[in-house]
N, C-alpha and C. Protein backbone atom coordinates (compact mmCIF):
# COMPACT_ATOMS: atom_id res chain seq x y z
N MET A 1 -14.81 -12.84 -11.39
CA MET A 1 -14.97 -11.39 -11.35
C MET A 1 -13.64 -10.74 -10.96
N THR A 2 -13.38 -9.57 -11.51
CA THR A 2 -12.10 -8.89 -11.30
C THR A 2 -12.32 -7.42 -10.96
N ILE A 3 -11.57 -6.92 -9.97
CA ILE A 3 -11.67 -5.52 -9.57
C ILE A 3 -10.27 -4.95 -9.35
N PHE A 4 -10.19 -3.61 -9.43
CA PHE A 4 -8.97 -2.90 -9.06
C PHE A 4 -8.95 -2.69 -7.54
N LEU A 5 -7.79 -2.86 -6.94
CA LEU A 5 -7.59 -2.49 -5.54
C LEU A 5 -6.62 -1.31 -5.45
N SER A 6 -6.48 -0.58 -6.54
CA SER A 6 -5.65 0.62 -6.61
C SER A 6 -6.50 1.80 -7.07
N TYR A 7 -6.08 2.98 -6.65
CA TYR A 7 -6.73 4.22 -7.09
C TYR A 7 -6.05 4.76 -8.34
N PHE A 8 -6.84 5.44 -9.18
CA PHE A 8 -6.25 6.25 -10.24
C PHE A 8 -5.55 7.45 -9.60
N ILE A 9 -4.40 7.83 -10.15
CA ILE A 9 -3.65 8.98 -9.66
C ILE A 9 -4.09 10.24 -10.40
N ASN A 10 -4.35 11.30 -9.66
CA ASN A 10 -4.60 12.61 -10.26
C ASN A 10 -4.01 13.67 -9.34
N GLU A 11 -4.19 14.92 -9.69
CA GLU A 11 -3.56 16.00 -8.92
C GLU A 11 -4.19 16.20 -7.55
N LYS A 12 -5.32 15.55 -7.29
CA LYS A 12 -5.97 15.63 -5.99
C LYS A 12 -5.66 14.42 -5.12
N THR A 13 -4.85 13.51 -5.60
CA THR A 13 -4.47 12.34 -4.81
C THR A 13 -3.82 12.78 -3.50
N PRO A 14 -4.32 12.33 -2.34
CA PRO A 14 -3.72 12.75 -1.07
C PRO A 14 -2.33 12.16 -0.88
N LEU A 15 -1.45 12.96 -0.31
CA LEU A 15 -0.08 12.54 -0.02
C LEU A 15 0.17 12.64 1.48
N TYR A 16 1.08 11.84 1.96
CA TYR A 16 1.41 11.84 3.39
C TYR A 16 1.84 13.24 3.82
N GLY A 17 1.29 13.70 4.93
CA GLY A 17 1.61 15.02 5.43
C GLY A 17 0.89 16.15 4.72
N GLY A 18 -0.02 15.82 3.81
CA GLY A 18 -0.76 16.86 3.12
C GLY A 18 0.02 17.58 2.04
N GLU A 19 1.13 16.98 1.62
CA GLU A 19 1.97 17.60 0.60
C GLU A 19 1.20 17.78 -0.71
N ASN A 20 1.47 18.88 -1.37
CA ASN A 20 0.86 19.18 -2.68
C ASN A 20 1.98 19.14 -3.71
N ALA A 21 2.21 17.96 -4.33
CA ALA A 21 3.42 17.80 -5.14
C ALA A 21 3.18 17.02 -6.42
N ILE A 22 1.93 16.90 -6.84
CA ILE A 22 1.63 16.15 -8.07
C ILE A 22 1.29 17.12 -9.19
N LEU A 23 1.97 16.95 -10.30
CA LEU A 23 1.73 17.80 -11.47
C LEU A 23 1.48 16.92 -12.69
N ILE A 24 0.34 17.08 -13.30
CA ILE A 24 0.02 16.39 -14.56
C ILE A 24 -0.40 17.46 -15.56
N GLU A 25 0.48 17.74 -16.50
CA GLU A 25 0.19 18.83 -17.44
C GLU A 25 0.29 18.34 -18.88
N LYS A 26 -0.39 19.02 -19.75
CA LYS A 26 -0.41 18.65 -21.16
C LYS A 26 0.88 19.09 -21.83
N ARG A 27 1.47 18.22 -22.62
CA ARG A 27 2.67 18.54 -23.41
C ARG A 27 2.29 18.85 -24.84
N SER A 28 1.44 18.02 -25.41
CA SER A 28 0.98 18.28 -26.77
C SER A 28 -0.50 17.93 -26.85
N GLN A 29 -1.22 18.67 -27.70
CA GLN A 29 -2.67 18.49 -27.81
C GLN A 29 -3.08 18.49 -29.28
N ILE A 30 -3.86 17.51 -29.64
CA ILE A 30 -4.40 17.47 -31.00
C ILE A 30 -5.23 18.71 -31.27
N SER A 31 -5.96 19.18 -30.25
CA SER A 31 -6.82 20.35 -30.43
C SER A 31 -6.03 21.61 -30.73
N ASN A 32 -4.71 21.60 -30.42
CA ASN A 32 -3.85 22.75 -30.72
C ASN A 32 -3.00 22.52 -31.96
N GLY A 33 -3.33 21.48 -32.73
CA GLY A 33 -2.62 21.24 -33.98
C GLY A 33 -1.53 20.19 -33.91
N ALA A 34 -1.30 19.61 -32.71
CA ALA A 34 -0.28 18.56 -32.60
C ALA A 34 -0.80 17.26 -33.19
N SER A 35 0.13 16.35 -33.48
CA SER A 35 -0.26 15.07 -34.08
C SER A 35 -0.78 14.07 -33.06
N SER A 36 -0.55 14.35 -31.76
CA SER A 36 -0.97 13.42 -30.71
C SER A 36 -1.17 14.16 -29.39
N ASN A 37 -1.80 13.47 -28.47
CA ASN A 37 -1.95 13.98 -27.10
C ASN A 37 -0.91 13.32 -26.21
N THR A 38 -0.14 14.12 -25.48
CA THR A 38 0.82 13.58 -24.51
C THR A 38 0.78 14.44 -23.25
N LYS A 39 1.26 13.87 -22.16
CA LYS A 39 1.27 14.59 -20.88
C LYS A 39 2.63 14.47 -20.22
N TYR A 40 2.91 15.42 -19.34
CA TYR A 40 4.11 15.43 -18.51
C TYR A 40 3.67 15.13 -17.09
N LEU A 41 4.34 14.16 -16.45
CA LEU A 41 3.98 13.75 -15.09
C LEU A 41 5.12 14.07 -14.13
N LYS A 42 4.77 14.69 -13.00
CA LYS A 42 5.74 14.93 -11.94
C LYS A 42 5.05 14.58 -10.61
N LEU A 43 5.62 13.62 -9.90
CA LEU A 43 5.01 13.19 -8.65
C LEU A 43 6.02 12.45 -7.79
N PRO A 44 5.85 12.47 -6.45
CA PRO A 44 6.71 11.67 -5.59
C PRO A 44 6.52 10.19 -5.89
N ASN A 45 7.57 9.40 -5.68
CA ASN A 45 7.43 7.98 -5.99
C ASN A 45 6.50 7.26 -5.01
N HIS A 46 6.25 7.84 -3.84
CA HIS A 46 5.30 7.27 -2.89
C HIS A 46 3.97 8.00 -3.03
N THR A 47 3.33 7.79 -4.17
CA THR A 47 2.07 8.47 -4.50
C THR A 47 0.96 7.45 -4.73
N GLY A 48 -0.22 7.76 -4.20
CA GLY A 48 -1.38 6.92 -4.44
C GLY A 48 -1.18 5.52 -3.87
N THR A 49 -1.84 4.55 -4.44
CA THR A 49 -1.63 3.16 -4.04
C THR A 49 -0.20 2.80 -4.45
N HIS A 50 0.65 2.56 -3.46
CA HIS A 50 2.07 2.35 -3.77
C HIS A 50 2.69 1.34 -2.80
N ILE A 51 3.86 0.88 -3.18
CA ILE A 51 4.55 -0.13 -2.39
C ILE A 51 5.87 0.42 -1.86
N ASP A 52 6.19 0.03 -0.62
CA ASP A 52 7.48 0.37 -0.01
C ASP A 52 8.39 -0.85 -0.08
N PHE A 53 9.61 -0.64 -0.57
CA PHE A 53 10.64 -1.68 -0.54
C PHE A 53 11.59 -1.43 0.63
N PRO A 54 12.35 -2.42 1.07
CA PRO A 54 13.25 -2.23 2.21
C PRO A 54 14.22 -1.06 2.06
N ASN A 55 14.63 -0.76 0.83
CA ASN A 55 15.55 0.35 0.59
C ASN A 55 14.97 1.70 1.01
N HIS A 56 13.66 1.75 1.20
CA HIS A 56 13.01 2.98 1.67
C HIS A 56 13.54 3.40 3.03
N PHE A 57 13.98 2.41 3.84
CA PHE A 57 14.47 2.73 5.18
C PHE A 57 15.86 2.18 5.47
N SER A 58 16.57 1.73 4.43
CA SER A 58 17.95 1.28 4.60
C SER A 58 18.67 1.32 3.26
N ASP A 59 19.84 1.91 3.23
CA ASP A 59 20.63 1.94 2.00
C ASP A 59 21.01 0.53 1.55
N GLU A 60 21.05 -0.41 2.48
CA GLU A 60 21.39 -1.80 2.14
C GLU A 60 20.16 -2.64 1.85
N GLY A 61 18.98 -2.06 2.00
CA GLY A 61 17.75 -2.82 1.81
C GLY A 61 17.46 -3.13 0.35
N LYS A 62 16.64 -4.16 0.10
CA LYS A 62 16.31 -4.58 -1.25
C LYS A 62 15.55 -3.49 -2.00
N ILE A 63 15.77 -3.45 -3.31
CA ILE A 63 15.11 -2.52 -4.21
C ILE A 63 14.18 -3.30 -5.13
N ILE A 64 13.47 -2.61 -5.98
CA ILE A 64 12.50 -3.25 -6.87
C ILE A 64 13.16 -4.34 -7.73
N ASN A 65 14.39 -4.12 -8.13
CA ASN A 65 15.08 -5.07 -9.01
C ASN A 65 15.31 -6.43 -8.37
N ASP A 66 15.20 -6.50 -7.05
CA ASP A 66 15.48 -7.74 -6.33
C ASP A 66 14.29 -8.70 -6.29
N TYR A 67 13.19 -8.32 -6.93
CA TYR A 67 11.99 -9.16 -6.90
C TYR A 67 11.68 -9.65 -8.31
N SER A 68 11.48 -10.96 -8.44
CA SER A 68 11.20 -11.55 -9.75
C SER A 68 9.76 -11.28 -10.18
N ALA A 69 9.48 -11.51 -11.44
CA ALA A 69 8.12 -11.32 -11.95
C ALA A 69 7.12 -12.22 -11.23
N SER A 70 7.54 -13.44 -10.92
CA SER A 70 6.62 -14.38 -10.27
C SER A 70 6.25 -13.96 -8.85
N PHE A 71 7.07 -13.12 -8.24
CA PHE A 71 6.80 -12.67 -6.87
C PHE A 71 5.45 -11.97 -6.78
N TRP A 72 5.03 -11.32 -7.86
CA TRP A 72 3.90 -10.40 -7.82
C TRP A 72 2.54 -11.05 -8.01
N ARG A 73 2.50 -12.39 -7.98
CA ARG A 73 1.23 -13.10 -7.97
C ARG A 73 1.01 -13.69 -6.58
N PHE A 74 -0.10 -13.30 -5.97
CA PHE A 74 -0.41 -13.75 -4.62
C PHE A 74 -1.61 -14.70 -4.69
N LYS A 75 -1.39 -15.95 -4.28
CA LYS A 75 -2.43 -16.97 -4.43
C LYS A 75 -3.14 -17.31 -3.12
N ASN A 76 -2.61 -16.83 -2.02
CA ASN A 76 -3.23 -17.08 -0.71
C ASN A 76 -3.45 -15.74 -0.01
N VAL A 77 -4.49 -15.07 -0.47
CA VAL A 77 -4.80 -13.71 0.01
C VAL A 77 -5.85 -13.80 1.10
N HIS A 78 -5.63 -13.08 2.18
CA HIS A 78 -6.62 -13.04 3.26
C HIS A 78 -6.91 -11.59 3.61
N ALA A 79 -8.19 -11.26 3.71
CA ALA A 79 -8.62 -9.89 4.05
C ALA A 79 -9.28 -9.88 5.42
N ILE A 80 -8.87 -8.91 6.23
CA ILE A 80 -9.44 -8.70 7.56
C ILE A 80 -10.27 -7.42 7.54
N SER A 81 -11.44 -7.46 8.13
CA SER A 81 -12.23 -6.25 8.31
C SER A 81 -12.01 -5.75 9.74
N TYR A 82 -11.38 -4.57 9.85
CA TYR A 82 -11.03 -4.02 11.16
C TYR A 82 -11.31 -2.52 11.11
N ILE A 83 -12.35 -2.07 11.79
CA ILE A 83 -12.71 -0.65 11.76
C ILE A 83 -11.77 0.13 12.67
N ALA A 84 -10.91 0.95 12.07
CA ALA A 84 -9.90 1.68 12.83
C ALA A 84 -10.36 3.10 13.14
N LYS A 85 -9.93 3.60 14.28
CA LYS A 85 -10.23 4.96 14.71
C LYS A 85 -9.12 5.90 14.25
N ASN A 86 -9.42 7.19 14.29
CA ASN A 86 -8.40 8.20 13.98
C ASN A 86 -7.18 7.99 14.89
N ASP A 87 -5.99 8.02 14.30
CA ASP A 87 -4.72 7.96 15.03
C ASP A 87 -4.46 6.62 15.72
N GLU A 88 -5.31 5.64 15.50
CA GLU A 88 -5.14 4.35 16.18
C GLU A 88 -3.90 3.61 15.67
N ILE A 89 -3.21 2.97 16.58
CA ILE A 89 -2.09 2.11 16.22
C ILE A 89 -2.54 0.66 16.36
N ILE A 90 -2.57 -0.04 15.24
CA ILE A 90 -3.02 -1.43 15.21
C ILE A 90 -1.84 -2.32 15.62
N ASP A 91 -2.01 -3.04 16.71
CA ASP A 91 -0.86 -3.76 17.26
C ASP A 91 -0.99 -5.28 17.12
N LYS A 92 -0.15 -6.00 17.82
CA LYS A 92 -0.04 -7.45 17.68
C LYS A 92 -1.30 -8.19 18.08
N SER A 93 -2.24 -7.53 18.78
CA SER A 93 -3.49 -8.18 19.14
C SER A 93 -4.28 -8.59 17.90
N LEU A 94 -3.96 -7.98 16.76
CA LEU A 94 -4.61 -8.37 15.50
C LEU A 94 -4.39 -9.86 15.21
N VAL A 95 -3.20 -10.34 15.51
CA VAL A 95 -2.88 -11.75 15.27
C VAL A 95 -3.66 -12.64 16.22
N ASP A 96 -3.84 -12.18 17.45
CA ASP A 96 -4.55 -12.99 18.45
C ASP A 96 -6.05 -13.00 18.21
N ASN A 97 -6.60 -11.92 17.68
CA ASN A 97 -8.05 -11.77 17.59
C ASN A 97 -8.64 -12.18 16.24
N TYR A 98 -7.79 -12.42 15.25
CA TYR A 98 -8.28 -12.80 13.93
C TYR A 98 -7.64 -14.12 13.51
N ASP A 99 -8.44 -14.96 12.92
CA ASP A 99 -7.96 -16.28 12.50
C ASP A 99 -7.34 -16.17 11.11
N ILE A 100 -6.09 -15.72 11.07
CA ILE A 100 -5.39 -15.53 9.80
C ILE A 100 -4.81 -16.87 9.35
N PRO A 101 -5.17 -17.35 8.17
CA PRO A 101 -4.62 -18.63 7.69
C PRO A 101 -3.10 -18.60 7.65
N THR A 102 -2.49 -19.68 8.06
CA THR A 102 -1.03 -19.70 8.18
C THR A 102 -0.32 -19.69 6.83
N ASP A 103 -1.04 -20.01 5.74
CA ASP A 103 -0.42 -19.99 4.42
C ASP A 103 -0.59 -18.66 3.70
N THR A 104 -1.10 -17.64 4.39
CA THR A 104 -1.34 -16.34 3.77
C THR A 104 -0.05 -15.74 3.22
N ASP A 105 -0.09 -15.29 1.96
CA ASP A 105 1.08 -14.61 1.39
C ASP A 105 0.83 -13.11 1.19
N PHE A 106 -0.43 -12.69 1.26
CA PHE A 106 -0.76 -11.26 1.17
C PHE A 106 -1.91 -11.00 2.13
N LEU A 107 -1.65 -10.19 3.16
CA LEU A 107 -2.67 -9.84 4.14
C LEU A 107 -3.21 -8.44 3.85
N ILE A 108 -4.52 -8.34 3.71
CA ILE A 108 -5.18 -7.05 3.47
C ILE A 108 -5.95 -6.66 4.72
N ILE A 109 -5.73 -5.45 5.20
CA ILE A 109 -6.44 -4.94 6.37
C ILE A 109 -7.39 -3.84 5.90
N ASN A 110 -8.67 -4.16 5.93
CA ASN A 110 -9.71 -3.24 5.46
C ASN A 110 -10.31 -2.51 6.66
N THR A 111 -9.93 -1.26 6.85
CA THR A 111 -10.33 -0.50 8.04
C THR A 111 -11.48 0.47 7.80
N ASN A 112 -11.91 0.60 6.55
CA ASN A 112 -12.94 1.57 6.15
C ASN A 112 -12.43 3.01 6.24
N PHE A 113 -11.11 3.19 6.48
CA PHE A 113 -10.58 4.56 6.55
C PHE A 113 -10.52 5.20 5.17
N GLY A 114 -10.59 4.38 4.14
CA GLY A 114 -10.62 4.92 2.79
C GLY A 114 -11.81 5.81 2.52
N SER A 115 -12.87 5.67 3.33
CA SER A 115 -14.04 6.53 3.17
C SER A 115 -13.73 7.99 3.48
N HIS A 116 -12.59 8.24 4.13
CA HIS A 116 -12.17 9.61 4.47
C HIS A 116 -11.12 10.16 3.51
N ARG A 117 -10.94 9.50 2.37
CA ARG A 117 -9.81 9.83 1.50
C ARG A 117 -9.83 11.27 0.98
N GLU A 118 -10.97 11.87 0.88
CA GLU A 118 -11.05 13.25 0.40
C GLU A 118 -11.07 14.27 1.54
N GLU A 119 -10.84 13.80 2.76
CA GLU A 119 -10.84 14.67 3.93
C GLU A 119 -9.42 14.82 4.48
N LYS A 120 -9.20 15.88 5.24
CA LYS A 120 -7.89 16.13 5.84
C LYS A 120 -7.47 15.02 6.79
N ILE A 121 -8.44 14.42 7.49
CA ILE A 121 -8.07 13.40 8.46
C ILE A 121 -7.43 12.19 7.81
N TYR A 122 -7.62 12.02 6.50
CA TYR A 122 -7.04 10.85 5.83
C TYR A 122 -5.52 10.84 5.93
N TRP A 123 -4.91 12.03 5.83
CA TRP A 123 -3.45 12.09 5.96
C TRP A 123 -3.00 12.63 7.31
N ASN A 124 -3.86 13.37 7.99
CA ASN A 124 -3.47 14.01 9.24
C ASN A 124 -3.74 13.13 10.46
N ASN A 125 -4.72 12.27 10.37
CA ASN A 125 -5.11 11.44 11.52
C ASN A 125 -5.26 9.97 11.15
N ASN A 126 -4.45 9.53 10.20
CA ASN A 126 -4.56 8.14 9.75
C ASN A 126 -4.12 7.16 10.83
N PRO A 127 -4.77 5.99 10.87
CA PRO A 127 -4.24 4.93 11.73
C PRO A 127 -2.89 4.45 11.21
N GLY A 128 -2.22 3.67 12.00
CA GLY A 128 -0.93 3.11 11.59
C GLY A 128 -0.77 1.71 12.15
N LEU A 129 0.32 1.06 11.79
CA LEU A 129 0.63 -0.26 12.30
C LEU A 129 1.76 -0.17 13.33
N SER A 130 1.66 -0.95 14.36
CA SER A 130 2.69 -0.97 15.39
C SER A 130 3.89 -1.81 14.96
N PRO A 131 5.09 -1.44 15.39
CA PRO A 131 6.25 -2.29 15.11
C PRO A 131 6.08 -3.70 15.68
N ASN A 132 5.32 -3.81 16.79
CA ASN A 132 5.21 -5.12 17.44
C ASN A 132 4.24 -6.07 16.72
N LEU A 133 3.63 -5.61 15.61
CA LEU A 133 2.75 -6.47 14.83
C LEU A 133 3.52 -7.33 13.82
N ALA A 134 4.64 -6.82 13.35
CA ALA A 134 5.33 -7.45 12.23
C ALA A 134 5.82 -8.87 12.54
N ALA A 135 6.54 -9.03 13.63
CA ALA A 135 7.12 -10.34 13.96
C ALA A 135 6.05 -11.41 14.21
N PRO A 136 5.01 -11.14 15.00
CA PRO A 136 3.96 -12.16 15.18
C PRO A 136 3.27 -12.54 13.88
N LEU A 137 3.11 -11.60 12.98
CA LEU A 137 2.53 -11.91 11.68
C LEU A 137 3.41 -12.88 10.90
N LYS A 138 4.71 -12.60 10.92
CA LYS A 138 5.65 -13.46 10.17
C LYS A 138 5.76 -14.85 10.80
N VAL A 139 5.65 -14.91 12.11
CA VAL A 139 5.69 -16.22 12.78
C VAL A 139 4.46 -17.03 12.42
N ARG A 140 3.30 -16.38 12.43
CA ARG A 140 2.07 -17.10 12.10
C ARG A 140 2.01 -17.44 10.61
N CYS A 141 2.49 -16.52 9.77
CA CYS A 141 2.41 -16.70 8.32
C CYS A 141 3.81 -16.62 7.72
N PRO A 142 4.57 -17.69 7.75
CA PRO A 142 5.97 -17.67 7.29
C PRO A 142 6.12 -17.27 5.82
N ASN A 143 5.07 -17.48 5.02
CA ASN A 143 5.14 -17.15 3.59
C ASN A 143 4.59 -15.76 3.28
N LEU A 144 4.32 -14.98 4.30
CA LEU A 144 3.75 -13.65 4.09
C LEU A 144 4.74 -12.76 3.35
N LYS A 145 4.33 -12.25 2.19
CA LYS A 145 5.19 -11.40 1.37
C LYS A 145 4.84 -9.92 1.48
N ALA A 146 3.57 -9.62 1.77
CA ALA A 146 3.16 -8.21 1.80
C ALA A 146 1.92 -8.04 2.67
N VAL A 147 1.82 -6.85 3.23
CA VAL A 147 0.61 -6.43 3.94
C VAL A 147 0.15 -5.12 3.31
N GLY A 148 -1.15 -5.01 3.06
CA GLY A 148 -1.71 -3.81 2.46
C GLY A 148 -2.93 -3.34 3.21
N PHE A 149 -3.25 -2.05 3.06
CA PHE A 149 -4.34 -1.48 3.85
C PHE A 149 -4.87 -0.21 3.18
N ASP A 150 -6.01 0.26 3.68
CA ASP A 150 -6.71 1.39 3.07
C ASP A 150 -6.51 2.69 3.83
N PHE A 151 -5.30 2.93 4.34
CA PHE A 151 -4.94 4.24 4.86
C PHE A 151 -3.60 4.64 4.26
N ILE A 152 -3.20 5.89 4.45
CA ILE A 152 -2.17 6.49 3.60
C ILE A 152 -0.75 6.00 3.89
N SER A 153 -0.53 5.50 5.11
CA SER A 153 0.83 5.05 5.44
C SER A 153 0.79 4.12 6.64
N VAL A 154 1.76 3.21 6.71
CA VAL A 154 1.93 2.40 7.91
C VAL A 154 2.26 3.29 9.10
N SER A 155 2.74 4.50 8.81
CA SER A 155 3.12 5.46 9.83
C SER A 155 1.97 6.44 10.10
N SER A 156 1.38 6.36 11.28
CA SER A 156 0.37 7.33 11.68
C SER A 156 1.02 8.71 11.72
N TYR A 157 0.38 9.69 11.08
CA TYR A 157 0.99 11.02 11.01
C TYR A 157 1.18 11.65 12.38
N GLN A 158 0.35 11.28 13.33
CA GLN A 158 0.47 11.80 14.69
C GLN A 158 1.42 10.97 15.55
N ASN A 159 1.97 9.91 14.97
CA ASN A 159 2.91 9.04 15.70
C ASN A 159 4.06 8.67 14.77
N ARG A 160 4.73 9.68 14.24
CA ARG A 160 5.70 9.44 13.17
C ARG A 160 6.95 8.68 13.62
N LEU A 161 7.42 8.93 14.84
CA LEU A 161 8.60 8.19 15.31
C LEU A 161 8.30 6.71 15.40
N LEU A 162 7.13 6.38 15.92
CA LEU A 162 6.72 4.99 15.99
C LEU A 162 6.54 4.42 14.58
N GLY A 163 6.04 5.25 13.68
CA GLY A 163 5.84 4.83 12.30
C GLY A 163 7.13 4.47 11.60
N ARG A 164 8.20 5.18 11.89
CA ARG A 164 9.49 4.85 11.29
C ARG A 164 9.97 3.48 11.77
N GLU A 165 9.75 3.21 13.05
CA GLU A 165 10.13 1.90 13.58
C GLU A 165 9.26 0.80 12.97
N ALA A 166 7.99 1.11 12.71
CA ALA A 166 7.11 0.13 12.09
C ALA A 166 7.58 -0.21 10.68
N HIS A 167 7.96 0.81 9.91
CA HIS A 167 8.51 0.57 8.58
C HIS A 167 9.70 -0.40 8.66
N LYS A 168 10.59 -0.14 9.59
CA LYS A 168 11.79 -0.98 9.71
C LYS A 168 11.43 -2.39 10.15
N ALA A 169 10.47 -2.50 11.07
CA ALA A 169 10.08 -3.82 11.57
C ALA A 169 9.51 -4.69 10.45
N PHE A 170 8.68 -4.10 9.60
CA PHE A 170 8.10 -4.87 8.51
C PHE A 170 9.11 -5.09 7.39
N LEU A 171 9.70 -4.00 6.90
CA LEU A 171 10.53 -4.09 5.69
C LEU A 171 11.88 -4.76 5.92
N LEU A 172 12.54 -4.42 7.03
CA LEU A 172 13.92 -4.86 7.24
C LEU A 172 14.03 -6.09 8.12
N HIS A 173 13.27 -6.13 9.21
CA HIS A 173 13.45 -7.20 10.18
C HIS A 173 12.62 -8.44 9.88
N ASN A 174 11.52 -8.27 9.11
CA ASN A 174 10.64 -9.41 8.86
C ASN A 174 10.35 -9.65 7.38
N ASP A 175 10.98 -8.86 6.52
CA ASP A 175 10.89 -9.06 5.07
C ASP A 175 9.43 -9.09 4.58
N ILE A 176 8.64 -8.15 5.07
CA ILE A 176 7.24 -7.99 4.65
C ILE A 176 7.11 -6.65 3.94
N LEU A 177 6.74 -6.67 2.67
CA LEU A 177 6.56 -5.43 1.93
C LEU A 177 5.26 -4.75 2.38
N ILE A 178 5.21 -3.44 2.17
CA ILE A 178 4.08 -2.62 2.62
C ILE A 178 3.41 -1.98 1.42
N ILE A 179 2.10 -2.18 1.31
CA ILE A 179 1.32 -1.53 0.24
C ILE A 179 0.32 -0.59 0.90
N GLU A 180 0.47 0.69 0.62
CA GLU A 180 -0.30 1.73 1.30
C GLU A 180 -1.35 2.35 0.37
N ASP A 181 -2.40 2.89 0.99
CA ASP A 181 -3.44 3.62 0.26
C ASP A 181 -4.15 2.74 -0.77
N MET A 182 -4.57 1.55 -0.33
CA MET A 182 -5.30 0.65 -1.22
C MET A 182 -6.78 1.03 -1.30
N LYS A 183 -7.39 0.66 -2.41
CA LYS A 183 -8.82 0.90 -2.64
C LYS A 183 -9.58 -0.38 -2.27
N LEU A 184 -10.23 -0.37 -1.11
CA LEU A 184 -10.82 -1.59 -0.58
C LEU A 184 -12.33 -1.49 -0.39
N ASP A 185 -12.96 -0.51 -0.98
CA ASP A 185 -14.38 -0.29 -0.75
C ASP A 185 -15.27 -1.35 -1.39
N GLN A 186 -14.71 -2.20 -2.27
CA GLN A 186 -15.52 -3.20 -2.95
C GLN A 186 -15.27 -4.64 -2.49
N ILE A 187 -14.40 -4.85 -1.51
CA ILE A 187 -14.02 -6.24 -1.20
C ILE A 187 -14.83 -6.87 -0.07
N GLN A 188 -15.62 -6.07 0.64
CA GLN A 188 -16.36 -6.62 1.76
C GLN A 188 -17.24 -7.79 1.32
N GLY A 189 -17.11 -8.92 2.02
CA GLY A 189 -17.92 -10.09 1.73
C GLY A 189 -17.45 -10.93 0.57
N LYS A 190 -16.36 -10.54 -0.06
CA LYS A 190 -15.85 -11.29 -1.21
C LYS A 190 -14.71 -12.21 -0.80
N THR A 191 -14.63 -13.36 -1.42
CA THR A 191 -13.51 -14.28 -1.22
C THR A 191 -12.54 -14.10 -2.38
N ILE A 192 -11.36 -13.56 -2.09
CA ILE A 192 -10.38 -13.26 -3.12
C ILE A 192 -9.58 -14.52 -3.44
N LYS A 193 -9.52 -14.86 -4.72
CA LYS A 193 -8.81 -16.07 -5.17
C LYS A 193 -7.37 -15.77 -5.56
N LEU A 194 -7.15 -14.62 -6.17
CA LEU A 194 -5.83 -14.31 -6.72
C LEU A 194 -5.65 -12.80 -6.79
N VAL A 195 -4.47 -12.33 -6.44
CA VAL A 195 -4.11 -10.92 -6.60
C VAL A 195 -2.86 -10.83 -7.45
N THR A 196 -2.92 -9.96 -8.44
CA THR A 196 -1.73 -9.62 -9.23
C THR A 196 -1.40 -8.17 -8.96
N ALA A 197 -0.18 -7.92 -8.52
CA ALA A 197 0.26 -6.57 -8.17
C ALA A 197 1.40 -6.17 -9.10
N LEU A 198 1.25 -5.06 -9.79
CA LEU A 198 2.21 -4.65 -10.83
C LEU A 198 2.82 -3.29 -10.50
N PRO A 199 4.01 -3.29 -9.88
CA PRO A 199 4.68 -2.01 -9.61
C PRO A 199 5.24 -1.41 -10.89
N ILE A 200 5.31 -0.09 -10.94
CA ILE A 200 5.96 0.57 -12.07
C ILE A 200 7.44 0.23 -12.05
N LEU A 201 7.97 -0.25 -13.15
CA LEU A 201 9.36 -0.73 -13.19
C LEU A 201 10.34 0.41 -13.38
N ILE A 202 10.60 1.10 -12.28
CA ILE A 202 11.59 2.18 -12.26
C ILE A 202 12.87 1.62 -11.64
N ASP A 203 13.93 1.68 -12.36
CA ASP A 203 15.18 1.03 -11.96
C ASP A 203 15.65 1.50 -10.59
N LYS A 204 15.94 0.53 -9.72
CA LYS A 204 16.58 0.74 -8.41
C LYS A 204 15.74 1.61 -7.47
N ILE A 205 14.43 1.61 -7.62
CA ILE A 205 13.57 2.48 -6.82
C ILE A 205 13.30 1.88 -5.44
N ASP A 206 13.06 2.74 -4.45
CA ASP A 206 12.76 2.31 -3.07
C ASP A 206 11.27 2.17 -2.81
N GLY A 207 10.46 2.57 -3.77
CA GLY A 207 9.02 2.48 -3.65
C GLY A 207 8.39 3.11 -4.88
N CYS A 208 7.17 2.71 -5.23
CA CYS A 208 6.56 3.25 -6.44
C CYS A 208 5.07 2.93 -6.47
N PRO A 209 4.31 3.66 -7.28
CA PRO A 209 2.89 3.32 -7.47
C PRO A 209 2.76 1.90 -7.99
N ILE A 210 1.65 1.26 -7.60
CA ILE A 210 1.43 -0.13 -7.97
C ILE A 210 -0.03 -0.34 -8.34
N THR A 211 -0.25 -1.06 -9.41
CA THR A 211 -1.61 -1.42 -9.84
C THR A 211 -1.92 -2.82 -9.35
N ILE A 212 -3.00 -2.96 -8.60
CA ILE A 212 -3.36 -4.23 -7.99
C ILE A 212 -4.71 -4.67 -8.55
N ILE A 213 -4.75 -5.91 -9.04
CA ILE A 213 -5.96 -6.49 -9.60
C ILE A 213 -6.31 -7.73 -8.80
N ALA A 214 -7.56 -7.81 -8.34
CA ALA A 214 -7.99 -8.95 -7.55
C ALA A 214 -9.07 -9.74 -8.29
N GLU A 215 -8.95 -11.05 -8.26
CA GLU A 215 -9.99 -11.93 -8.79
C GLU A 215 -10.69 -12.58 -7.59
N TYR A 216 -12.02 -12.56 -7.63
CA TYR A 216 -12.78 -13.08 -6.50
C TYR A 216 -13.91 -13.96 -6.96
N GLU A 217 -14.39 -14.78 -6.03
CA GLU A 217 -15.50 -15.69 -6.31
C GLU A 217 -16.83 -14.94 -6.27
């Protein structure tokens, strides 16, 4: 069985800080006599289900071009169910309290915060990850390539300074990519066998929307 772990992007897609910056407009329409239907898209590169690369927080950090095609297949995926509160910072106790397999290459944190995606609290009071979580995760899971979750950013909007340090801790100091705003409402109770994550191939980008497909038993 196969499911999407990404959201479709539209003009109502929530953005960090409540920004209203997505434009999807018609360029040509068959109904108006054109030979085809086309659209014009304007949106921030950190829109919807998207990935952060190290260059997002360092000019010297890796960009999308630095990752091979084979990188985007994750064969040892582990999902944690962790019900997060508004503004909560998830810290290193996650490693102590959950039995994360040491061969994990993609860790998914399912907090159920995605149920608030159409509400203001989704971007205004989102939970975040602590900088002190990154290193213990990498020590326990040396092959960890990415962490993803169902809230809008690793940076809690009410704790933005801490959030910037968290970005750096994951992306720069521990080489763990960040996938934000994942669609996780269908994974509860499922054993995921394989994840394929396909970022939009925009040259030299620091982050971009990503389509994630999961196969489960």
